[in-house]
Amino acid sequence: MQHDPELQVRFEMLQSKYLTTFEDYILDLDALLMALPTSGDQHPVMDAIRFRVHRIAGTAPSLGYVSVGGLAAKVEELIGQWSAAQSWTLEQQIGTTLESLLDEMEGALDAQIPALPIAATG
């Protein structure tokens, strides 16, 4: 199969367009992380985080941002576990993993290059 340059250009345009959403996600998730109460009902904030990371986990890998998608999926998984157990240890893991996700997204923004270009075959 031959590499299609037009397809590569379109894919890179999609990557660039998606990358522009990272800044808003970073700002939103950082604000939500800071809004997590140390006591009381954390469900609304955890639900808001889960909604955002679910979207990232579903889209990022298909556009080449595999590590971003993996970290987002991990945060989503941890929030699911937290919902069942509401453990302080899980809250710490969520915070740490979310901070790693934010760092990874910031790194992608700083790099401003496509993560995984389509490989030519043939």
PDB file of N, CA and C in Angstrom:
ATOM      1  N   MET A   1       0.843  -1.180   0.000  1.00  0.00           N
ATOM      2  CA  MET A   1       0.000   0.000   0.000  1.00  0.00           C
ATOM      3  C   MET A   1       0.886   1.241   0.000  1.00  0.00           C
ATOM      4  N   GLN A   2       0.574   2.170  -0.860  1.00  0.00           N
ATOM      5  CA  GLN A   2       1.349   3.396  -1.012  1.00  0.00           C
ATOM      6  C   GLN A   2       0.880   4.462  -0.017  1.00  0.00           C
ATOM      7  N   HIS A   3       1.822   5.254   0.449  1.00  0.00           N
ATOM      8  CA  HIS A   3       1.534   6.357   1.362  1.00  0.00           C
ATOM      9  C   HIS A   3       0.852   7.484   0.581  1.00  0.00           C
ATOM     10  N   ASP A   4      -0.248   7.986   1.088  1.00  0.00           N
ATOM     11  CA  ASP A   4      -0.999   9.056   0.431  1.00  0.00           C
ATOM     12  C   ASP A   4      -0.648  10.392   1.087  1.00  0.00           C
ATOM     13  N   PRO A   5       0.084  11.265   0.382  1.00  0.00           N
ATOM     14  CA  PRO A   5       0.479  12.549   0.970  1.00  0.00           C
ATOM     15  C   PRO A   5      -0.719  13.414   1.372  1.00  0.00           C
ATOM     16  N   GLU A   6      -1.796  13.346   0.618  1.00  0.00           N
ATOM     17  CA  GLU A   6      -2.981  14.140   0.952  1.00  0.00           C
ATOM     18  C   GLU A   6      -3.593  13.655   2.267  1.00  0.00           C
ATOM     19  N   LEU A   7      -3.618  12.353   2.446  1.00  0.00           N
ATOM     20  CA  LEU A   7      -4.128  11.786   3.691  1.00  0.00           C
ATOM     21  C   LEU A   7      -3.252  12.215   4.871  1.00  0.00           C
ATOM     22  N   GLN A   8      -1.939  12.216   4.662  1.00  0.00           N
ATOM     23  CA  GLN A   8      -1.013  12.650   5.706  1.00  0.00           C
ATOM     24  C   GLN A   8      -1.280  14.103   6.087  1.00  0.00           C
ATOM     25  N   VAL A   9      -1.487  14.959   5.118  1.00  0.00           N
ATOM     26  CA  VAL A   9      -1.755  16.375   5.381  1.00  0.00           C
ATOM     27  C   VAL A   9      -3.066  16.529   6.154  1.00  0.00           C
ATOM     28  N   ARG A  10      -4.088  15.801   5.753  1.00  0.00           N
ATOM     29  CA  ARG A  10      -5.371  15.876   6.457  1.00  0.00           C
ATOM     30  C   ARG A  10      -5.253  15.380   7.902  1.00  0.00           C
ATOM     31  N   PHE A  11      -4.511  14.296   8.083  1.00  0.00           N
ATOM     32  CA  PHE A  11      -4.311  13.769   9.423  1.00  0.00           C
ATOM     33  C   PHE A  11      -3.580  14.789  10.294  1.00  0.00           C
ATOM     34  N   GLU A  12      -2.546  15.400   9.761  1.00  0.00           N
ATOM     35  CA  GLU A  12      -1.794  16.405  10.511  1.00  0.00           C
ATOM     36  C   GLU A  12      -2.662  17.624  10.831  1.00  0.00           C
ATOM     37  N   MET A  13      -3.571  17.966   9.936  1.00  0.00           N
ATOM     38  CA  MET A  13      -4.501  19.072  10.214  1.00  0.00           C
ATOM     39  C   MET A  13      -5.429  18.703  11.376  1.00  0.00           C
ATOM     40  N   LEU A  14      -5.914  17.457  11.370  1.00  0.00           N
ATOM     41  CA  LEU A  14      -6.762  16.994  12.479  1.00  0.00           C
ATOM     42  C   LEU A  14      -5.984  17.001  13.796  1.00  0.00           C
ATOM     43  N   GLN A  15      -4.727  16.540  13.750  1.00  0.00           N
ATOM     44  CA  GLN A  15      -3.901  16.557  14.951  1.00  0.00           C
ATOM     45  C   GLN A  15      -3.735  17.984  15.471  1.00  0.00           C
ATOM     46  N   SER A  16      -3.434  18.898  14.575  1.00  0.00           N
ATOM     47  CA  SER A  16      -3.237  20.300  14.975  1.00  0.00           C
ATOM     48  C   SER A  16      -4.504  20.894  15.560  1.00  0.00           C
ATOM     49  N   LYS A  17      -5.623  20.603  14.927  1.00  0.00           N
ATOM     50  CA  LYS A  17      -6.897  21.115  15.432  1.00  0.00           C
ATOM     51  C   LYS A  17      -7.194  20.540  16.817  1.00  0.00           C
ATOM     52  N   TYR A  18      -6.959  19.247  16.983  1.00  0.00           N
ATOM     53  CA  TYR A  18      -7.195  18.621  18.280  1.00  0.00           C
ATOM     54  C   TYR A  18      -6.245  19.180  19.338  1.00  0.00           C
ATOM     55  N   LEU A  19      -5.018  19.413  18.956  1.00  0.00           N
ATOM     56  CA  LEU A  19      -4.030  19.946  19.890  1.00  0.00           C
ATOM     57  C   LEU A  19      -4.465  21.297  20.451  1.00  0.00           C
ATOM     58  N   THR A  20      -5.206  22.071  19.672  1.00  0.00           N
ATOM     59  CA  THR A  20      -5.672  23.371  20.165  1.00  0.00           C
ATOM     60  C   THR A  20      -6.666  23.222  21.318  1.00  0.00           C
ATOM     61  N   THR A  21      -7.291  22.054  21.454  1.00  0.00           N
ATOM     62  CA  THR A  21      -8.224  21.836  22.564  1.00  0.00           C
ATOM     63  C   THR A  21      -7.494  21.566  23.876  1.00  0.00           C
ATOM     64  N   PHE A  22      -6.215  21.208  23.787  1.00  0.00           N
ATOM     65  CA  PHE A  22      -5.456  20.858  24.990  1.00  0.00           C
ATOM     66  C   PHE A  22      -5.405  22.012  25.984  1.00  0.00           C
ATOM     67  N   GLU A  23      -5.226  23.224  25.483  1.00  0.00           N
ATOM     68  CA  GLU A  23      -5.108  24.359  26.403  1.00  0.00           C
ATOM     69  C   GLU A  23      -6.358  24.502  27.266  1.00  0.00           C
ATOM     70  N   ASP A  24      -7.535  24.415  26.642  1.00  0.00           N
ATOM     71  CA  ASP A  24      -8.779  24.505  27.417  1.00  0.00           C
ATOM     72  C   ASP A  24      -8.925  23.345  28.393  1.00  0.00           C
ATOM     73  N   TYR A  25      -8.591  22.131  27.927  1.00  0.00           N
ATOM     74  CA  TYR A  25      -8.650  20.977  28.821  1.00  0.00           C
ATOM     75  C   TYR A  25      -7.703  21.161  30.006  1.00  0.00           C
ATOM     76  N   ILE A  26      -6.501  21.644  29.737  1.00  0.00           N
ATOM     77  CA  ILE A  26      -5.522  21.852  30.812  1.00  0.00           C
ATOM     78  C   ILE A  26      -6.068  22.845  31.834  1.00  0.00           C
ATOM     79  N   LEU A  27      -6.586  23.956  31.359  1.00  0.00           N
ATOM     80  CA  LEU A  27      -7.129  24.968  32.270  1.00  0.00           C
ATOM     81  C   LEU A  27      -8.300  24.411  33.078  1.00  0.00           C
ATOM     82  N   ASP A  28      -9.215  23.721  32.405  1.00  0.00           N
ATOM     83  CA  ASP A  28     -10.380  23.145  33.083  1.00  0.00           C
ATOM     84  C   ASP A  28      -9.974  22.105  34.122  1.00  0.00           C
ATOM     85  N   LEU A  29      -9.124  21.169  33.711  1.00  0.00           N
ATOM     86  CA  LEU A  29      -8.737  20.096  34.624  1.00  0.00           C
ATOM     87  C   LEU A  29      -7.906  20.615  35.789  1.00  0.00           C
ATOM     88  N   ASP A  30      -7.057  21.591  35.537  1.00  0.00           N
ATOM     89  CA  ASP A  30      -6.272  22.181  36.623  1.00  0.00           C
ATOM     90  C   ASP A  30      -7.196  22.870  37.630  1.00  0.00           C
ATOM     91  N   ALA A  31      -8.187  23.609  37.124  1.00  0.00           N
ATOM     92  CA  ALA A  31      -9.142  24.278  38.017  1.00  0.00           C
ATOM     93  C   ALA A  31      -9.947  23.250  38.815  1.00  0.00           C
ATOM     94  N   LEU A  32     -10.348  22.166  38.171  1.00  0.00           N
ATOM     95  CA  LEU A  32     -11.097  21.119  38.868  1.00  0.00           C
ATOM     96  C   LEU A  32     -10.235  20.431  39.922  1.00  0.00           C
ATOM     97  N   LEU A  33      -8.978  20.205  39.599  1.00  0.00           N
ATOM     98  CA  LEU A  33      -8.068  19.596  40.569  1.00  0.00           C
ATOM     99  C   LEU A  33      -7.938  20.478  41.801  1.00  0.00           C
ATOM    100  N   MET A  34      -7.837  21.774  41.582  1.00  0.00           N
ATOM    101  CA  MET A  34      -7.718  22.700  42.704  1.00  0.00           C
ATOM    102  C   MET A  34      -9.040  22.829  43.472  1.00  0.00           C
ATOM    103  N   ALA A  35     -10.151  22.527  42.802  1.00  0.00           N
ATOM    104  CA  ALA A  35     -11.467  22.658  43.430  1.00  0.00           C
ATOM    105  C   ALA A  35     -11.876  21.432  44.235  1.00  0.00           C
ATOM    106  N   LEU A  36     -11.096  20.371  44.145  1.00  0.00           N
ATOM    107  CA  LEU A  36     -11.453  19.183  44.920  1.00  0.00           C
ATOM    108  C   LEU A  36     -11.440  19.528  46.401  1.00  0.00           C
ATOM    109  N   PRO A  37     -12.571  19.365  47.046  1.00  0.00           N
ATOM    110  CA  PRO A  37     -12.611  19.678  48.473  1.00  0.00           C
ATOM    111  C   PRO A  37     -11.830  18.637  49.277  1.00  0.00           C
ATOM    112  N   THR A  38     -11.246  19.087  50.358  1.00  0.00           N
ATOM    113  CA  THR A  38     -10.522  18.159  51.230  1.00  0.00           C
ATOM    114  C   THR A  38     -11.486  17.378  52.111  1.00  0.00           C
ATOM    115  N   SER A  39     -12.700  17.868  52.211  1.00  0.00           N
ATOM    116  CA  SER A  39     -13.737  17.131  52.933  1.00  0.00           C
ATOM    117  C   SER A  39     -15.074  17.486  52.285  1.00  0.00           C
ATOM    118  N   GLY A  40     -16.072  16.740  52.613  1.00  0.00           N
ATOM    119  CA  GLY A  40     -17.380  16.996  52.025  1.00  0.00           C
ATOM    120  C   GLY A  40     -17.577  16.215  50.738  1.00  0.00           C
ATOM    121  N   ASP A  41     -18.572  16.607  49.977  1.00  0.00           N
ATOM    122  CA  ASP A  41     -18.961  15.886  48.770  1.00  0.00           C
ATOM    123  C   ASP A  41     -18.033  16.224  47.601  1.00  0.00           C
ATOM    124  N   GLN A  42     -17.255  15.253  47.187  1.00  0.00           N
ATOM    125  CA  GLN A  42     -16.335  15.425  46.071  1.00  0.00           C
ATOM    126  C   GLN A  42     -16.917  14.915  44.754  1.00  0.00           C
ATOM    127  N   HIS A  43     -18.086  14.303  44.822  1.00  0.00           N
ATOM    128  CA  HIS A  43     -18.672  13.699  43.620  1.00  0.00           C
ATOM    129  C   HIS A  43     -18.842  14.677  42.457  1.00  0.00           C
ATOM    130  N   PRO A  44     -19.365  15.892  42.670  1.00  0.00           N
ATOM    131  CA  PRO A  44     -19.543  16.774  41.513  1.00  0.00           C
ATOM    132  C   PRO A  44     -18.224  17.092  40.792  1.00  0.00           C
ATOM    133  N   VAL A  45     -17.174  17.316  41.555  1.00  0.00           N
ATOM    134  CA  VAL A  45     -15.886  17.630  40.931  1.00  0.00           C
ATOM    135  C   VAL A  45     -15.313  16.385  40.260  1.00  0.00           C
ATOM    136  N   MET A  46     -15.389  15.243  40.923  1.00  0.00           N
ATOM    137  CA  MET A  46     -14.889  13.997  40.324  1.00  0.00           C
ATOM    138  C   MET A  46     -15.661  13.668  39.046  1.00  0.00           C
ATOM    139  N   ASP A  47     -16.966  13.892  39.050  1.00  0.00           N
ATOM    140  CA  ASP A  47     -17.772  13.646  37.846  1.00  0.00           C
ATOM    141  C   ASP A  47     -17.349  14.564  36.708  1.00  0.00           C
ATOM    142  N   ALA A  48     -17.066  15.814  37.022  1.00  0.00           N
ATOM    143  CA  ALA A  48     -16.634  16.765  35.997  1.00  0.00           C
ATOM    144  C   ALA A  48     -15.264  16.367  35.430  1.00  0.00           C
ATOM    145  N   ILE A  49     -14.371  15.918  36.299  1.00  0.00           N
ATOM    146  CA  ILE A  49     -13.064  15.449  35.827  1.00  0.00           C
ATOM    147  C   ILE A  49     -13.249  14.218  34.947  1.00  0.00           C
ATOM    148  N   ARG A  50     -14.067  13.274  35.417  1.00  0.00           N
ATOM    149  CA  ARG A  50     -14.283  12.041  34.659  1.00  0.00           C
ATOM    150  C   ARG A  50     -14.848  12.343  33.266  1.00  0.00           C
ATOM    151  N   PHE A  51     -15.786  13.253  33.175  1.00  0.00           N
ATOM    152  CA  PHE A  51     -16.365  13.606  31.880  1.00  0.00           C
ATOM    153  C   PHE A  51     -15.278  14.084  30.914  1.00  0.00           C
ATOM    154  N   ARG A  52     -14.398  14.956  31.390  1.00  0.00           N
ATOM    155  CA  ARG A  52     -13.358  15.509  30.520  1.00  0.00           C
ATOM    156  C   ARG A  52     -12.312  14.463  30.136  1.00  0.00           C
ATOM    157  N   VAL A  53     -11.853  13.688  31.121  1.00  0.00           N
ATOM    158  CA  VAL A  53     -10.820  12.700  30.792  1.00  0.00           C
ATOM    159  C   VAL A  53     -11.373  11.578  29.920  1.00  0.00           C
ATOM    160  N   HIS A  54     -12.650  11.287  30.050  1.00  0.00           N
ATOM    161  CA  HIS A  54     -13.270  10.280  29.181  1.00  0.00           C
ATOM    162  C   HIS A  54     -13.172  10.711  27.717  1.00  0.00           C
ATOM    163  N   ARG A  55     -13.451  11.972  27.461  1.00  0.00           N
ATOM    164  CA  ARG A  55     -13.367  12.493  26.094  1.00  0.00           C
ATOM    165  C   ARG A  55     -11.934  12.453  25.577  1.00  0.00           C
ATOM    166  N   ILE A  56     -10.994  12.813  26.440  1.00  0.00           N
ATOM    167  CA  ILE A  56      -9.580  12.789  26.046  1.00  0.00           C
ATOM    168  C   ILE A  56      -9.140  11.348  25.778  1.00  0.00           C
ATOM    169  N   ALA A  57      -9.517  10.440  26.671  1.00  0.00           N
ATOM    170  CA  ALA A  57      -9.117   9.038  26.532  1.00  0.00           C
ATOM    171  C   ALA A  57      -9.645   8.427  25.235  1.00  0.00           C
ATOM    172  N   GLY A  58     -10.796   8.871  24.804  1.00  0.00           N
ATOM    173  CA  GLY A  58     -11.388   8.321  23.591  1.00  0.00           C
ATOM    174  C   GLY A  58     -10.806   8.879  22.309  1.00  0.00           C
ATOM    175  N   THR A  59     -10.374  10.117  22.332  1.00  0.00           N
ATOM    176  CA  THR A  59      -9.933  10.780  21.106  1.00  0.00           C
ATOM    177  C   THR A  59      -8.424  10.838  20.938  1.00  0.00           C
ATOM    178  N   ALA A  60      -7.703  11.135  21.989  1.00  0.00           N
ATOM    179  CA  ALA A  60      -6.262  11.378  21.896  1.00  0.00           C
ATOM    180  C   ALA A  60      -5.484  10.244  21.218  1.00  0.00           C
ATOM    181  N   PRO A  61      -5.700   8.987  21.603  1.00  0.00           N
ATOM    182  CA  PRO A  61      -4.898   7.924  20.976  1.00  0.00           C
ATOM    183  C   PRO A  61      -5.112   7.808  19.469  1.00  0.00           C
ATOM    184  N   SER A  62      -6.336   8.026  19.020  1.00  0.00           N
ATOM    185  CA  SER A  62      -6.611   7.886  17.589  1.00  0.00           C
ATOM    186  C   SER A  62      -5.969   8.992  16.766  1.00  0.00           C
ATOM    187  N   LEU A  63      -5.561  10.065  17.432  1.00  0.00           N
ATOM    188  CA  LEU A  63      -4.886  11.162  16.738  1.00  0.00           C
ATOM    189  C   LEU A  63      -3.393  11.203  17.051  1.00  0.00           C
ATOM    190  N   GLY A  64      -2.892  10.114  17.622  1.00  0.00           N
ATOM    191  CA  GLY A  64      -1.460   9.982  17.822  1.00  0.00           C
ATOM    192  C   GLY A  64      -0.954  10.341  19.201  1.00  0.00           C
ATOM    193  N   TYR A  65      -1.811  10.806  20.086  1.00  0.00           N
ATOM    194  CA  TYR A  65      -1.394  11.188  21.436  1.00  0.00           C
ATOM    195  C   TYR A  65      -1.694  10.041  22.398  1.00  0.00           C
ATOM    196  N   VAL A  66      -0.973   8.954  22.190  1.00  0.00           N
ATOM    197  CA  VAL A  66      -1.231   7.703  22.900  1.00  0.00           C
ATOM    198  C   VAL A  66      -1.008   7.846  24.403  1.00  0.00           C
ATOM    199  N   SER A  67       0.093   8.481  24.804  1.00  0.00           N
ATOM    200  CA  SER A  67       0.375   8.600  26.239  1.00  0.00           C
ATOM    201  C   SER A  67      -0.651   9.500  26.923  1.00  0.00           C
ATOM    202  N   VAL A  68      -1.112  10.537  26.238  1.00  0.00           N
ATOM    203  CA  VAL A  68      -2.162  11.405  26.786  1.00  0.00           C
ATOM    204  C   VAL A  68      -3.435  10.590  26.990  1.00  0.00           C
ATOM    205  N   GLY A  69      -3.800   9.820  25.983  1.00  0.00           N
ATOM    206  CA  GLY A  69      -4.996   8.984  26.091  1.00  0.00           C
ATOM    207  C   GLY A  69      -4.889   7.945  27.191  1.00  0.00           C
ATOM    208  N   GLY A  70      -3.706   7.345  27.322  1.00  0.00           N
ATOM    209  CA  GLY A  70      -3.500   6.342  28.361  1.00  0.00           C
ATOM    210  C   GLY A  70      -3.616   6.923  29.765  1.00  0.00           C
ATOM    211  N   LEU A  71      -3.033   8.098  29.964  1.00  0.00           N
ATOM    212  CA  LEU A  71      -3.131   8.742  31.281  1.00  0.00           C
ATOM    213  C   LEU A  71      -4.569   9.162  31.575  1.00  0.00           C
ATOM    214  N   ALA A  72      -5.261   9.674  30.560  1.00  0.00           N
ATOM    215  CA  ALA A  72      -6.661  10.063  30.750  1.00  0.00           C
ATOM    216  C   ALA A  72      -7.506   8.843  31.115  1.00  0.00           C
ATOM    217  N   ALA A  73      -7.262   7.728  30.442  1.00  0.00           N
ATOM    218  CA  ALA A  73      -7.999   6.501  30.747  1.00  0.00           C
ATOM    219  C   ALA A  73      -7.696   6.031  32.170  1.00  0.00           C
ATOM    220  N   LYS A  74      -6.461   6.182  32.602  1.00  0.00           N
ATOM    221  CA  LYS A  74      -6.085   5.789  33.964  1.00  0.00           C
ATOM    222  C   LYS A  74      -6.808   6.651  34.994  1.00  0.00           C
ATOM    223  N   VAL A  75      -6.891   7.965  34.743  1.00  0.00           N
ATOM    224  CA  VAL A  75      -7.624   8.843  35.662  1.00  0.00           C
ATOM    225  C   VAL A  75      -9.088   8.417  35.713  1.00  0.00           C
ATOM    226  N   GLU A  76      -9.661   8.145  34.571  1.00  0.00           N
ATOM    227  CA  GLU A  76     -11.067   7.720  34.524  1.00  0.00           C
ATOM    228  C   GLU A  76     -11.264   6.423  35.313  1.00  0.00           C
ATOM    229  N   GLU A  77     -10.358   5.478  35.132  1.00  0.00           N
ATOM    230  CA  GLU A  77     -10.432   4.207  35.855  1.00  0.00           C
ATOM    231  C   GLU A  77     -10.318   4.433  37.375  1.00  0.00           C
ATOM    232  N   LEU A  78      -9.383   5.273  37.779  1.00  0.00           N
ATOM    233  CA  LEU A  78      -9.206   5.554  39.206  1.00  0.00           C
ATOM    234  C   LEU A  78     -10.435   6.230  39.805  1.00  0.00           C
ATOM    235  N   ILE A  79     -11.055   7.119  39.050  1.00  0.00           N
ATOM    236  CA  ILE A  79     -12.274   7.767  39.552  1.00  0.00           C
ATOM    237  C   ILE A  79     -13.390   6.736  39.708  1.00  0.00           C
ATOM    238  N   GLY A  80     -13.471   5.782  38.795  1.00  0.00           N
ATOM    239  CA  GLY A  80     -14.451   4.707  38.931  1.00  0.00           C
ATOM    240  C   GLY A  80     -14.223   3.897  40.199  1.00  0.00           C
ATOM    241  N   GLN A  81     -12.958   3.601  40.474  1.00  0.00           N
ATOM    242  CA  GLN A  81     -12.630   2.879  41.704  1.00  0.00           C
ATOM    243  C   GLN A  81     -12.944   3.737  42.933  1.00  0.00           C
ATOM    244  N   TRP A  82     -12.622   5.021  42.844  1.00  0.00           N
ATOM    245  CA  TRP A  82     -12.888   5.935  43.961  1.00  0.00           C
ATOM    246  C   TRP A  82     -14.389   6.016  44.243  1.00  0.00           C
ATOM    247  N   SER A  83     -15.194   6.035  43.187  1.00  0.00           N
ATOM    248  CA  SER A  83     -16.645   6.124  43.364  1.00  0.00           C
ATOM    249  C   SER A  83     -17.174   4.961  44.195  1.00  0.00           C
ATOM    250  N   ALA A  84     -16.548   3.807  44.046  1.00  0.00           N
ATOM    251  CA  ALA A  84     -16.979   2.631  44.799  1.00  0.00           C
ATOM    252  C   ALA A  84     -16.421   2.625  46.226  1.00  0.00           C
ATOM    253  N   ALA A  85     -15.190   3.107  46.399  1.00  0.00           N
ATOM    254  CA  ALA A  85     -14.524   2.973  47.698  1.00  0.00           C
ATOM    255  C   ALA A  85     -14.304   4.292  48.430  1.00  0.00           C
ATOM    256  N   GLN A  86     -14.232   5.394  47.703  1.00  0.00           N
ATOM    257  CA  GLN A  86     -13.956   6.719  48.262  1.00  0.00           C
ATOM    258  C   GLN A  86     -12.776   6.693  49.222  1.00  0.00           C
ATOM    259  N   SER A  87     -11.692   6.166  48.717  1.00  0.00           N
ATOM    260  CA  SER A  87     -10.474   6.010  49.504  1.00  0.00           C
ATOM    261  C   SER A  87      -9.561   7.219  49.336  1.00  0.00           C
ATOM    262  N   TRP A  88      -8.927   7.617  50.429  1.00  0.00           N
ATOM    263  CA  TRP A  88      -7.984   8.730  50.402  1.00  0.00           C
ATOM    264  C   TRP A  88      -6.786   8.384  49.524  1.00  0.00           C
ATOM    265  N   THR A  89      -6.366   7.132  49.556  1.00  0.00           N
ATOM    266  CA  THR A  89      -5.250   6.685  48.714  1.00  0.00           C
ATOM    267  C   THR A  89      -5.606   6.843  47.245  1.00  0.00           C
ATOM    268  N   LEU A  90      -6.825   6.487  46.872  1.00  0.00           N
ATOM    269  CA  LEU A  90      -7.259   6.656  45.490  1.00  0.00           C
ATOM    270  C   LEU A  90      -7.321   8.135  45.111  1.00  0.00           C
ATOM    271  N   GLU A  91      -7.737   8.985  46.037  1.00  0.00           N
ATOM    272  CA  GLU A  91      -7.760  10.421  45.763  1.00  0.00           C
ATOM    273  C   GLU A  91      -6.356  10.917  45.444  1.00  0.00           C
ATOM    274  N   GLN A  92      -5.372  10.446  46.181  1.00  0.00           N
ATOM    275  CA  GLN A  92      -3.989  10.831  45.921  1.00  0.00           C
ATOM    276  C   GLN A  92      -3.539  10.332  44.555  1.00  0.00           C
ATOM    277  N   GLN A  93      -3.885   9.085  44.215  1.00  0.00           N
ATOM    278  CA  GLN A  93      -3.514   8.526  42.916  1.00  0.00           C
ATOM    279  C   GLN A  93      -4.176   9.302  41.781  1.00  0.00           C
ATOM    280  N   ILE A  94      -5.420   9.691  41.973  1.00  0.00           N
ATOM    281  CA  ILE A  94      -6.121  10.491  40.959  1.00  0.00           C
ATOM    282  C   ILE A  94      -5.385  11.803  40.755  1.00  0.00           C
ATOM    283  N   GLY A  95      -5.063  12.477  41.860  1.00  0.00           N
ATOM    284  CA  GLY A  95      -4.364  13.751  41.755  1.00  0.00           C
ATOM    285  C   GLY A  95      -3.017  13.630  41.073  1.00  0.00           C
ATOM    286  N   THR A  96      -2.252  12.622  41.447  1.00  0.00           N
ATOM    287  CA  THR A  96      -0.928  12.416  40.857  1.00  0.00           C
ATOM    288  C   THR A  96      -1.026  12.079  39.376  1.00  0.00           C
ATOM    289  N   THR A  97      -1.945  11.198  39.024  1.00  0.00           N
ATOM    290  CA  THR A  97      -2.105  10.794  37.627  1.00  0.00           C
ATOM    291  C   THR A  97      -2.649  11.947  36.798  1.00  0.00           C
ATOM    292  N   LEU A  98      -3.555  12.721  37.364  1.00  0.00           N
ATOM    293  CA  LEU A  98      -4.084  13.883  36.662  1.00  0.00           C
ATOM    294  C   LEU A  98      -2.983  14.913  36.418  1.00  0.00           C
ATOM    295  N   GLU A  99      -2.119  15.111  37.397  1.00  0.00           N
ATOM    296  CA  GLU A  99      -0.997  16.034  37.198  1.00  0.00           C
ATOM    297  C   GLU A  99      -0.065  15.529  36.095  1.00  0.00           C
ATOM    298  N   SER A 100       0.156  14.226  36.025  1.00  0.00           N
ATOM    299  CA  SER A 100       0.967  13.647  34.949  1.00  0.00           C
ATOM    300  C   SER A 100       0.305  13.869  33.598  1.00  0.00           C
ATOM    301  N   LEU A 101      -1.010  13.707  33.549  1.00  0.00           N
ATOM    302  CA  LEU A 101      -1.752  13.965  32.313  1.00  0.00           C
ATOM    303  C   LEU A 101      -1.584  15.418  31.888  1.00  0.00           C
ATOM    304  N   LEU A 102      -1.735  16.339  32.825  1.00  0.00           N
ATOM    305  CA  LEU A 102      -1.582  17.762  32.498  1.00  0.00           C
ATOM    306  C   LEU A 102      -0.173  18.051  31.999  1.00  0.00           C
ATOM    307  N   ASP A 103       0.827  17.454  32.617  1.00  0.00           N
ATOM    308  CA  ASP A 103       2.212  17.633  32.167  1.00  0.00           C
ATOM    309  C   ASP A 103       2.405  17.114  30.747  1.00  0.00           C
ATOM    310  N   GLU A 104       1.836  15.957  30.466  1.00  0.00           N
ATOM    311  CA  GLU A 104       1.956  15.361  29.134  1.00  0.00           C
ATOM    312  C   GLU A 104       1.273  16.240  28.081  1.00  0.00           C
ATOM    313  N   MET A 105       0.115  16.769  28.419  1.00  0.00           N
ATOM    314  CA  MET A 105      -0.603  17.646  27.488  1.00  0.00           C
ATOM    315  C   MET A 105       0.180  18.937  27.268  1.00  0.00           C
ATOM    316  N   GLU A 106       0.742  19.486  28.337  1.00  0.00           N
ATOM    317  CA  GLU A 106       1.549  20.700  28.201  1.00  0.00           C
ATOM    318  C   GLU A 106       2.777  20.435  27.338  1.00  0.00           C
ATOM    319  N   GLY A 107       3.380  19.266  27.512  1.00  0.00           N
ATOM    320  CA  GLY A 107       4.527  18.899  26.686  1.00  0.00           C
ATOM    321  C   GLY A 107       4.165  18.814  25.209  1.00  0.00           C
ATOM    322  N   ALA A 108       2.998  18.257  24.919  1.00  0.00           N
ATOM    323  CA  ALA A 108       2.548  18.175  23.524  1.00  0.00           C
ATOM    324  C   ALA A 108       2.314  19.567  22.962  1.00  0.00           C
ATOM    325  N   LEU A 109       1.733  20.442  23.766  1.00  0.00           N
ATOM    326  CA  LEU A 109       1.531  21.821  23.320  1.00  0.00           C
ATOM    327  C   LEU A 109       2.860  22.525  23.085  1.00  0.00           C
ATOM    328  N   ASP A 110       3.798  22.330  24.002  1.00  0.00           N
ATOM    329  CA  ASP A 110       5.110  22.961  23.859  1.00  0.00           C
ATOM    330  C   ASP A 110       5.830  22.480  22.609  1.00  0.00           C
ATOM    331  N   ALA A 111       5.693  21.202  22.319  1.00  0.00           N
ATOM    332  CA  ALA A 111       6.364  20.632  21.154  1.00  0.00           C
ATOM    333  C   ALA A 111       5.729  21.105  19.853  1.00  0.00           C
ATOM    334  N   GLN A 112       4.405  21.289  19.869  1.00  0.00           N
ATOM    335  CA  GLN A 112       3.664  21.742  18.690  1.00  0.00           C
ATOM    336  C   GLN A 112       3.996  20.939  17.436  1.00  0.00           C
ATOM    337  N   ILE A 113       4.231  19.639  17.619  1.00  0.00           N
ATOM    338  CA  ILE A 113       4.462  18.767  16.471  1.00  0.00           C
ATOM    339  C   ILE A 113       3.536  17.577  16.596  1.00  0.00           C
ATOM    340  N   PRO A 114       3.173  16.986  15.477  1.00  0.00           N
ATOM    341  CA  PRO A 114       2.324  15.797  15.546  1.00  0.00           C
ATOM    342  C   PRO A 114       3.018  14.695  16.329  1.00  0.00           C
ATOM    343  N   ALA A 115       2.246  13.964  17.105  1.00  0.00           N
ATOM    344  CA  ALA A 115       2.799  12.943  17.985  1.00  0.00           C
ATOM    345  C   ALA A 115       3.279  11.716  17.207  1.00  0.00           C
ATOM    346  N   LEU A 116       2.427  11.152  16.381  1.00  0.00           N
ATOM    347  CA  LEU A 116       2.777   9.957  15.614  1.00  0.00           C
ATOM    348  C   LEU A 116       2.269  10.110  14.183  1.00  0.00           C
ATOM    349  N   PRO A 117       3.110  10.560  13.277  1.00  0.00           N
ATOM    350  CA  PRO A 117       2.640  10.678  11.899  1.00  0.00           C
ATOM    351  C   PRO A 117       2.329   9.299  11.316  1.00  0.00           C
ATOM    352  N   ILE A 118       1.488   9.276  10.322  1.00  0.00           N
ATOM    353  CA  ILE A 118       1.140   8.028   9.660  1.00  0.00           C
ATOM    354  C   ILE A 118       2.400   7.512   8.972  1.00  0.00           C
ATOM    355  N   ALA A 119       2.739   6.265   9.232  1.00  0.00           N
ATOM    356  CA  ALA A 119       3.936   5.676   8.643  1.00  0.00           C
ATOM    357  C   ALA A 119       3.655   5.270   7.195  1.00  0.00           C
ATOM    358  N   ALA A 120       4.621   5.532   6.346  1.00  0.00           N
ATOM    359  CA  ALA A 120       4.512   5.133   4.953  1.00  0.00           C
ATOM    360  C   ALA A 120       4.753   3.615   4.865  1.00  0.00           C
ATOM    361  N   THR A 121       3.962   2.959   4.067  1.00  0.00           N
ATOM    362  CA  THR A 121       4.142   1.520   3.849  1.00  0.00           C
ATOM    363  C   THR A 121       4.270   1.265   2.376  1.00  0.00           C
ATOM    364  N   GLY A 122       4.885   0.180   2.064  1.00  0.00           N
ATOM    365  CA  GLY A 122       4.936  -0.222   0.668  1.00  0.00           C
ATOM    366  C   GLY A 122       6.259  -0.167   0.049  1.00  0.00           C
TER     367      GLY A 122
END
